[in-house]
């Protein structure tokens, strides 16, 4: 839209079906978004209008809500779904607080998708070989790129906590500062967009796939969650003596109750489950533990005021609005129904059958299809439309024969 049209308040409309567009560009049958495929209004959030600092041509980006023309939020909007979850907390006098940890890879351009990704050439003319995890000099070869990333973050008002090199080859992680869930979802979206745009300027490719490299740790989007009391700001996970509260237990139990049903929301792509095959770095379970990274729900070591639950299931490829909404909705369900969690696990452990999660996209979609909890929390239209779109993507994947199949199976009698 032109700046003049935007400033005049001209309404931007879009077909409802676009919210169910699959990643290949197609759409499920019209019955999933209304046979008329009527319009939605895109309503900009005044707090999320940003001049894009990496663009030579003056350009701005506005994050919008997708609203029905009657004024209410569209049930197909993931941002709208997150706002509805936050409102349910507010009705109880509570406000969730979240932070996201986003991992990503920086690669050289990959013009042939049949070939593996490669790390870029550094300033020393070499490619990283995987020995730079947590090194203070590990991103020196990418210093010009990261310098612009930091500058653009500052220009967009994206505060950052820590930035580090992760365990994968040319893999990095940013921790965004904790705050309002909607704000953090917006910031996570903006940061991923920023990364890709700045990378292109520097002749690089940023990849937020869950598992872009074989034999290498995948990329997560861990979600840290706590709840405060509106007014006092008190963390309701801790009592006055600094001990865990019943609300804390109920929240964990709700996470456990919803994790298997919501796996397809946290791990939305075929590639997501390549990451989850590694049981340590990416725990595919609904166990919980005090500071054990093998658990899907980890309680990090912290002061009572900072007591929180870390959901380690979502990958970097997850929709931040939907992943945060699903995680918080499950926790609230546990609070409202006073659910009790399993016993915490420590050390090495075997995952009980009732706490195991789907390990393929097909299995996750089948679980979501049977979930009454998902329909209760997100509505029939959203869940059925989401399943329809993701089923199209899964079908497209199965329409291709992989190099592994040709290499290994072709010689079989």
Protein backbone atom coordinates (compact mmCIF):
# COMPACT_ATOMS: atom_id res chain seq x y z
CA UNK A 1 0.00 0.00 0.00
CA UNK A 2 1.23 3.51 -0.66
CA UNK A 3 2.13 5.64 2.35
CA UNK A 4 -0.59 8.09 1.32
CA UNK A 5 -3.25 5.39 1.24
CA UNK A 6 -2.14 4.02 4.59
CA UNK A 7 -2.14 7.46 6.27
CA UNK A 8 -5.61 8.17 4.86
CA UNK A 9 -6.86 5.08 6.69
CA UNK A 10 -7.79 3.23 3.52
CA UNK A 11 -9.03 -0.23 4.47
CA UNK A 12 -7.00 -3.17 3.22
CA UNK A 13 -9.04 -6.32 2.63
CA UNK A 14 -7.98 -9.88 1.95
CA UNK A 15 -9.79 -13.14 1.19
CA UNK A 16 -10.37 -15.37 4.26
CA UNK A 17 -8.81 -18.32 2.47
CA UNK A 18 -5.37 -16.70 2.49
CA UNK A 19 -5.10 -17.49 6.20
CA UNK A 20 -5.16 -21.20 5.29
CA UNK A 21 -2.79 -20.95 2.34
CA UNK A 22 -0.30 -23.83 2.53
CA UNK A 23 3.46 -23.36 2.18
CA UNK A 24 3.44 -24.47 -1.48
CA UNK A 25 0.89 -21.75 -2.30
CA UNK A 26 -2.31 -23.78 -2.68
CA UNK A 27 -5.51 -23.81 -0.64
CA UNK A 28 -7.68 -26.49 0.94
CA UNK A 29 -11.31 -26.76 -0.24
CA UNK A 30 -13.38 -23.61 0.28
CA UNK A 31 -15.60 -25.29 2.89
CA UNK A 32 -12.77 -24.83 5.40
CA UNK A 33 -12.85 -21.05 5.18
CA UNK A 34 -16.38 -20.31 3.99
CA UNK A 35 -17.66 -21.21 0.55
CA UNK A 36 -18.03 -17.54 -0.41
CA UNK A 37 -14.35 -16.89 0.44
CA UNK A 38 -15.42 -13.49 1.69
CA UNK A 39 -13.05 -10.72 2.70
CA UNK A 40 -11.31 -9.94 5.97
CA UNK A 41 -10.09 -6.50 7.05
CA UNK A 42 -6.40 -6.14 7.86
CA UNK A 43 -6.31 -3.73 10.80
CA UNK A 44 -2.82 -2.40 11.62
CA UNK A 45 -1.64 -2.46 15.21
CA UNK A 46 -0.51 1.13 15.91
CA UNK A 47 2.32 -0.16 18.13
CA UNK A 48 3.67 -2.39 15.35
CA UNK A 49 4.31 -0.05 12.43
CA UNK A 50 8.01 -0.02 11.59
CA UNK A 51 10.24 1.77 9.10
CA UNK A 52 12.45 -0.96 7.63
CA UNK A 53 16.07 0.08 8.25
CA UNK A 54 17.61 -2.37 5.77
CA UNK A 55 15.58 -1.08 2.80
CA UNK A 56 17.23 1.54 0.58
CA UNK A 57 13.82 2.61 -0.70
CA UNK A 58 11.75 4.13 2.15
CA UNK A 59 9.43 1.34 3.22
CA UNK A 60 7.46 0.39 6.31
CA UNK A 61 5.91 -2.78 7.64
CA UNK A 62 2.70 -2.91 9.67
CA UNK A 63 1.65 -5.98 11.63
CA UNK A 64 -2.11 -6.33 11.30
CA UNK A 65 -4.98 -8.16 12.90
CA UNK A 66 -7.21 -10.12 10.55
CA UNK A 67 -10.78 -9.15 11.49
CA UNK A 68 -14.12 -10.10 10.02
CA UNK A 69 -15.90 -7.21 8.33
CA UNK A 70 -18.36 -7.29 11.24
CA UNK A 71 -15.50 -6.27 13.56
CA UNK A 72 -14.69 -9.43 15.52
CA UNK A 73 -11.37 -11.23 15.18
CA UNK A 74 -11.25 -13.97 12.58
CA UNK A 75 -11.04 -17.43 14.12
CA UNK A 76 -8.53 -18.33 11.40
CA UNK A 77 -6.04 -15.69 12.59
CA UNK A 78 -3.22 -17.06 14.75
CA UNK A 79 -2.57 -13.57 16.15
CA UNK A 80 -6.25 -13.38 17.02
CA UNK A 81 -6.08 -16.79 18.68
CA UNK A 82 -3.20 -15.61 20.88
CA UNK A 83 -5.08 -12.45 21.84
CA UNK A 84 -8.07 -14.57 22.85
CA UNK A 85 -5.90 -16.74 25.12
CA UNK A 86 -4.42 -13.65 26.79
CA UNK A 87 -7.95 -12.32 27.33
CA UNK A 88 -8.95 -15.56 29.08
CA UNK A 89 -6.08 -15.07 31.52
CA UNK A 90 -7.07 -11.43 32.05
CA UNK A 91 -10.61 -12.49 32.98
CA UNK A 92 -9.04 -14.31 35.93
CA UNK A 93 -6.91 -11.32 36.93
CA UNK A 94 -3.78 -12.92 35.48
CA UNK A 95 -1.27 -11.99 32.78
CA UNK A 96 1.11 -14.50 31.18
CA UNK A 97 4.73 -13.49 30.61
CA UNK A 98 6.84 -15.24 27.98
CA UNK A 99 10.26 -15.15 26.36
CA UNK A 100 11.39 -16.94 23.22
CA UNK A 101 14.78 -18.43 22.41
CA UNK A 102 15.18 -18.63 18.66
CA UNK A 103 17.91 -20.64 16.95
CA UNK A 104 18.84 -20.27 13.28
CA UNK A 105 21.56 -21.15 10.77
CA UNK A 106 23.54 -18.77 8.56
CA UNK A 107 24.56 -20.43 5.30
CA UNK A 108 26.13 -19.59 1.97
CA UNK A 109 23.59 -19.21 -0.88
CA UNK A 110 22.06 -22.57 -1.82
CA UNK A 111 21.05 -22.38 -5.46
CA UNK A 112 20.58 -26.14 -5.85
CA UNK A 113 18.14 -27.53 -3.23
CA UNK A 114 19.34 -31.09 -3.96
CA UNK A 115 22.69 -30.19 -2.38
CA UNK A 116 23.30 -29.77 1.38
CA UNK A 117 23.61 -26.34 2.94
CA UNK A 118 27.14 -25.07 3.53
CA UNK A 119 28.45 -22.51 6.02
CA UNK A 120 29.59 -19.27 4.40
CA UNK A 121 33.18 -18.28 3.78
CA UNK A 122 34.49 -16.29 6.72
CA UNK A 123 36.77 -13.28 6.60
CA UNK A 124 39.69 -15.71 6.82
CA UNK A 125 38.52 -17.44 3.62
CA UNK A 126 37.51 -20.63 5.42
CA UNK A 127 34.20 -22.31 6.16
CA UNK A 128 33.37 -23.09 9.76
CA UNK A 129 33.83 -26.77 10.57
CA UNK A 130 31.68 -27.08 13.68
CA UNK A 131 34.18 -26.33 16.45
CA UNK A 132 32.89 -22.90 17.39
CA UNK A 133 30.03 -23.61 19.79
CA UNK A 134 29.86 -20.90 22.49
CA UNK A 135 33.14 -19.39 21.29
CA UNK A 136 33.66 -15.67 21.83
CA UNK A 137 35.23 -15.42 18.37
CA UNK A 138 32.94 -17.81 16.55
CA UNK A 139 31.06 -15.23 14.49
CA UNK A 140 34.01 -13.04 13.53
CA UNK A 141 33.72 -14.18 9.94
CA UNK A 142 30.13 -12.92 9.96
CA UNK A 143 30.82 -9.69 11.84
CA UNK A 144 29.53 -7.32 9.10
CA UNK A 145 26.28 -9.28 8.93
CA UNK A 146 25.74 -9.38 12.68
CA UNK A 147 26.66 -5.70 13.05
CA UNK A 148 23.82 -4.79 10.71
CA UNK A 149 21.49 -7.24 12.46
CA UNK A 150 22.18 -5.50 15.80
CA UNK A 151 21.70 -2.06 14.25
CA UNK A 152 18.41 -3.07 12.63
CA UNK A 153 17.16 -4.60 15.86
CA UNK A 154 17.84 -1.32 17.65
CA UNK A 155 16.08 0.64 14.88
CA UNK A 156 13.02 -1.61 15.17
CA UNK A 157 12.99 -1.41 18.96
CA UNK A 158 13.75 -5.12 19.41
CA UNK A 159 15.56 -5.50 22.73
CA UNK A 160 17.86 -8.52 22.92
CA UNK A 161 19.10 -10.37 25.95
CA UNK A 162 21.90 -12.67 24.77
CA UNK A 163 23.26 -13.73 21.39
CA UNK A 164 25.49 -16.78 21.08
CA UNK A 165 26.88 -19.38 18.73
CA UNK A 166 25.00 -22.63 19.18
CA UNK A 167 26.15 -26.24 18.74
CA UNK A 168 25.48 -26.58 15.02
CA UNK A 169 27.76 -25.49 12.19
CA UNK A 170 27.14 -21.76 11.70
CA UNK A 171 24.15 -21.98 14.07
CA UNK A 172 23.25 -19.09 16.38
CA UNK A 173 20.69 -18.29 19.06
CA UNK A 174 19.06 -15.13 20.32
CA UNK A 175 17.17 -14.78 23.59
CA UNK A 176 14.52 -12.07 23.43
CA UNK A 177 13.64 -10.27 26.66
CA UNK A 178 10.58 -11.60 28.48
CA UNK A 179 7.34 -9.67 28.32
CA UNK A 180 3.75 -9.63 27.04
CA UNK A 181 3.08 -12.72 24.88
CA UNK A 182 1.62 -10.78 21.95
CA UNK A 183 4.60 -8.42 21.95
CA UNK A 184 7.04 -11.35 22.04
CA UNK A 185 5.26 -13.08 19.17
CA UNK A 186 5.41 -9.86 17.14
CA UNK A 187 9.10 -9.42 18.00
CA UNK A 188 9.92 -13.03 17.07
CA UNK A 189 8.19 -12.60 13.71
CA UNK A 190 9.96 -9.31 13.05
CA UNK A 191 13.33 -10.74 14.03
CA UNK A 192 13.01 -13.70 11.65
CA UNK A 193 12.00 -11.33 8.83
CA UNK A 194 14.90 -9.02 9.68
CA UNK A 195 17.41 -11.90 9.66
CA UNK A 196 16.42 -13.07 6.19
CA UNK A 197 16.38 -9.58 4.67
CA UNK A 198 19.75 -8.52 6.12
CA UNK A 199 21.29 -11.87 5.11
CA UNK A 200 20.31 -11.29 1.49
CA UNK A 201 22.09 -7.92 1.54
CA UNK A 202 25.26 -9.69 2.69
CA UNK A 203 25.09 -12.55 0.19
CA UNK A 204 24.02 -15.02 2.88
CA UNK A 205 21.05 -17.29 3.53
CA UNK A 206 19.40 -17.53 6.94
CA UNK A 207 17.48 -20.76 7.47
CA UNK A 208 14.91 -21.27 10.23
CA UNK A 209 14.12 -24.87 9.35
CA UNK A 210 13.90 -27.16 12.36
CA UNK A 211 16.61 -29.47 10.98
CA UNK A 212 18.52 -28.13 7.94
CA UNK A 213 21.64 -30.31 8.40
CA UNK A 214 21.95 -34.04 9.00
CA UNK A 215 24.00 -35.22 12.01
CA UNK A 216 23.69 -31.73 13.52
CA UNK A 217 21.51 -30.30 16.25
CA UNK A 218 18.30 -28.72 14.98
CA UNK A 219 16.92 -25.26 15.68
CA UNK A 220 14.38 -24.70 18.44
CA UNK A 221 12.12 -21.91 19.60
CA UNK A 222 11.90 -22.64 23.33
CA UNK A 223 9.13 -20.74 25.11
CA UNK A 224 9.65 -19.60 28.71
CA UNK A 225 6.38 -18.98 30.55
CA UNK A 226 5.33 -17.49 33.85
CA UNK A 227 2.14 -15.81 35.09
CA UNK A 228 1.79 -12.64 37.11
CA UNK A 229 -1.11 -11.26 39.06
CA UNK A 230 -2.52 -8.15 37.40
CA UNK A 231 -1.99 -5.17 39.69
CA UNK A 232 0.60 -6.58 42.08
CA UNK A 233 2.90 -8.07 39.42
CA UNK A 234 3.49 -11.08 41.70
CA UNK A 235 4.60 -14.30 40.03
CA UNK A 236 1.79 -16.70 40.93
CA UNK A 237 4.09 -19.69 40.49
CA UNK A 238 5.77 -18.81 43.84
CA UNK A 239 4.22 -18.21 47.26
CA UNK A 240 5.37 -15.66 49.85
CA UNK A 241 7.91 -18.14 51.21
CA UNK A 242 9.35 -18.64 47.73
CA UNK A 243 7.94 -22.16 47.34
CA UNK A 244 6.10 -23.49 44.26
CA UNK A 245 2.33 -22.94 44.35
CA UNK A 246 -0.60 -25.15 43.39
CA UNK A 247 -1.08 -22.86 40.36
CA UNK A 248 2.44 -23.78 39.24
CA UNK A 249 1.62 -27.49 39.44
CA UNK A 250 -1.69 -27.05 37.64
CA UNK A 251 0.00 -25.08 34.84
CA UNK A 252 2.56 -27.86 34.31
CA UNK A 253 -0.21 -30.47 34.32
CA UNK A 254 -2.13 -28.51 31.69
CA UNK A 255 0.98 -28.37 29.52
CA UNK A 256 1.31 -32.13 29.85
CA UNK A 257 -2.39 -32.67 29.06
CA UNK A 258 -2.19 -30.67 25.82
CA UNK A 259 1.29 -31.43 24.53
CA UNK A 260 0.52 -34.53 22.47
CA UNK A 261 -2.71 -33.06 21.07
CA UNK A 262 -0.89 -29.84 20.13
CA UNK A 263 2.33 -31.36 18.74
CA UNK A 264 1.27 -30.47 15.19
CA UNK A 265 0.99 -26.82 16.30
CA UNK A 266 4.48 -26.82 17.84
CA UNK A 267 6.07 -28.93 15.08
CA UNK A 268 4.17 -27.91 11.92
CA UNK A 269 6.32 -29.34 9.11
CA UNK A 270 7.65 -32.69 7.91
CA UNK A 271 11.16 -31.46 8.71
CA UNK A 272 10.13 -30.60 12.30
CA UNK A 273 10.25 -34.29 13.19
CA UNK A 274 13.81 -34.68 11.91
CA UNK A 275 14.77 -32.38 14.78
CA UNK A 276 12.68 -34.32 17.28
CA UNK A 277 14.45 -37.59 16.45
CA UNK A 278 17.34 -36.46 18.68
CA UNK A 279 16.10 -37.23 22.20
CA UNK A 280 18.46 -34.95 24.15
CA UNK A 281 18.79 -31.65 22.35
CA UNK A 282 15.14 -31.80 21.23
CA UNK A 283 13.11 -33.81 23.73
CA UNK A 284 9.97 -35.27 22.19
CA UNK A 285 8.11 -35.96 25.43
CA UNK A 286 5.75 -34.36 27.93
CA UNK A 287 7.86 -35.14 31.00
CA UNK A 288 8.83 -32.29 33.31
CA UNK A 289 11.95 -31.76 35.35
CA UNK A 290 13.95 -29.29 37.38
CA UNK A 291 16.74 -28.16 35.05
CA UNK A 292 16.97 -31.33 32.94
CA UNK A 293 17.23 -30.59 29.22
CA UNK A 294 16.03 -34.08 28.33
CA UNK A 295 12.52 -33.16 29.50
CA UNK A 296 10.04 -31.52 27.18
CA UNK A 297 9.04 -29.22 30.05
CA UNK A 298 12.02 -27.86 31.94
CA UNK A 299 12.00 -25.71 35.07
CA UNK A 300 15.19 -23.61 34.76
CA UNK A 301 17.17 -22.84 37.89
CA UNK A 302 16.00 -19.40 39.03
CA UNK A 303 14.92 -17.25 41.93
CA UNK A 304 11.31 -17.66 43.14
CA UNK A 305 10.38 -14.37 41.42
CA UNK A 306 11.58 -15.77 38.10
CA UNK A 307 10.09 -19.26 38.44
CA UNK A 308 8.93 -20.34 34.99
CA UNK A 309 8.18 -23.29 32.73
CA UNK A 310 10.19 -23.78 29.56
CA UNK A 311 8.41 -25.57 26.73
CA UNK A 312 11.23 -27.14 24.70
CA UNK A 313 9.11 -28.77 21.99
CA UNK A 314 8.58 -25.93 19.44
CA UNK A 315 11.08 -25.62 16.62
CA UNK A 316 12.34 -22.48 14.92
CA UNK A 317 9.88 -23.24 12.12
CA UNK A 318 6.84 -22.87 14.38
CA UNK A 319 4.42 -19.96 14.00
CA UNK A 320 5.25 -17.89 17.13
CA UNK A 321 1.65 -16.73 17.63
CA UNK A 322 0.26 -20.24 17.41
CA UNK A 323 2.99 -21.94 19.44
CA UNK A 324 2.71 -19.41 22.27
CA UNK A 325 -1.10 -19.52 22.16
CA UNK A 326 -1.15 -23.33 22.31
CA UNK A 327 1.33 -23.51 25.16
CA UNK A 328 -0.42 -20.85 27.25
CA UNK A 329 -3.88 -22.26 26.50
CA UNK A 330 -2.79 -25.70 27.72
CA UNK A 331 -1.39 -24.21 30.93
CA UNK A 332 -4.58 -22.25 31.58
CA UNK A 333 -6.64 -25.39 31.00
CA UNK A 334 -4.65 -27.08 33.76
CA UNK A 335 -5.23 -24.15 36.13
CA UNK A 336 -8.96 -24.00 35.43
CA UNK A 337 -9.39 -27.76 35.91
CA UNK A 338 -6.90 -28.04 38.85
CA UNK A 339 -4.99 -30.80 37.08
CA UNK A 340 -2.04 -32.45 38.80
CA UNK A 341 1.21 -33.21 36.95
CA UNK A 342 3.17 -36.43 36.85
CA UNK A 343 6.16 -36.83 39.15
CA UNK A 344 9.18 -34.83 37.97
CA UNK A 345 12.01 -36.79 36.36
CA UNK A 346 15.75 -36.35 36.90
CA UNK A 347 18.86 -37.87 35.34
CA UNK A 348 18.50 -40.47 32.61
CA UNK A 349 14.97 -41.76 32.20
CA UNK A 350 12.63 -43.68 29.94
CA UNK A 351 9.57 -41.82 28.71
CA UNK A 352 6.31 -43.41 29.92
CA UNK A 353 3.86 -44.25 27.14
CA UNK A 354 1.33 -41.71 28.41
CA UNK A 355 3.93 -38.91 28.13
CA UNK A 356 5.29 -39.78 24.68
CA UNK A 357 4.42 -37.56 21.72
CA UNK A 358 3.72 -38.12 18.02
CA UNK A 359 6.96 -38.57 16.09
CA UNK A 360 5.78 -37.80 12.53
CA UNK A 361 3.64 -35.06 11.03
CA UNK A 362 1.08 -37.67 9.97
CA UNK A 363 0.76 -39.01 13.51
CA UNK A 364 0.58 -35.49 14.95
CA UNK A 365 -2.20 -34.48 12.56
CA UNK A 366 -4.13 -37.66 13.36
CA UNK A 367 -3.81 -36.84 17.08
CA UNK A 368 -4.95 -33.26 16.48
CA UNK A 369 -7.86 -34.53 14.37
CA UNK A 370 -9.13 -36.58 17.34
CA UNK A 371 -8.59 -33.82 19.92
CA UNK A 372 -11.67 -32.40 21.57
CA UNK A 373 -9.38 -30.24 23.70
CA UNK A 374 -8.03 -28.48 20.59
CA UNK A 375 -11.53 -27.72 19.35
CA UNK A 376 -12.55 -26.49 22.79
CA UNK A 377 -9.61 -24.10 23.06
CA UNK A 378 -9.22 -22.93 19.44
CA UNK A 379 -12.57 -23.62 17.78
CA UNK A 380 -13.67 -26.14 15.19
CA UNK A 381 -13.10 -23.88 12.18
CA UNK A 382 -9.47 -23.13 13.02
CA UNK A 383 -8.46 -26.70 13.89
CA UNK A 384 -10.15 -28.29 10.88
CA UNK A 385 -8.77 -25.63 8.53
CA UNK A 386 -5.26 -26.04 9.95
CA UNK A 387 -5.41 -29.81 9.53
CA UNK A 388 -6.65 -29.42 5.95
CA UNK A 389 -3.78 -27.09 5.03
CA UNK A 390 -1.12 -29.24 6.70
CA UNK A 391 -2.51 -32.39 5.08
CA UNK A 392 -1.98 -30.76 1.68
CA UNK A 393 1.64 -30.08 2.61
CA UNK A 394 2.17 -33.66 3.79
CA UNK A 395 0.64 -35.01 0.57
CA UNK A 396 2.96 -32.79 -1.48
CA UNK A 397 5.96 -34.18 0.43
CA UNK A 398 4.90 -37.76 -0.30
CA UNK A 399 4.59 -36.88 -3.99
CA UNK A 400 8.42 -36.69 -4.19
CA UNK A 401 11.00 -39.48 -4.03
CA UNK A 402 14.02 -38.56 -1.91
CA UNK A 403 17.71 -39.12 -2.81
CA UNK A 404 17.93 -41.63 0.08
CA UNK A 405 15.25 -43.79 -1.51
CA UNK A 406 17.00 -43.78 -4.89
CA UNK A 407 20.43 -44.37 -3.33
CA UNK A 408 19.51 -47.17 -0.93
CA UNK A 409 16.41 -48.87 -2.30
CA UNK A 410 16.97 -48.88 -6.05
CA UNK A 411 19.46 -51.74 -5.86
CA UNK A 412 17.18 -53.95 -3.80
CA UNK A 413 15.79 -57.05 -5.49
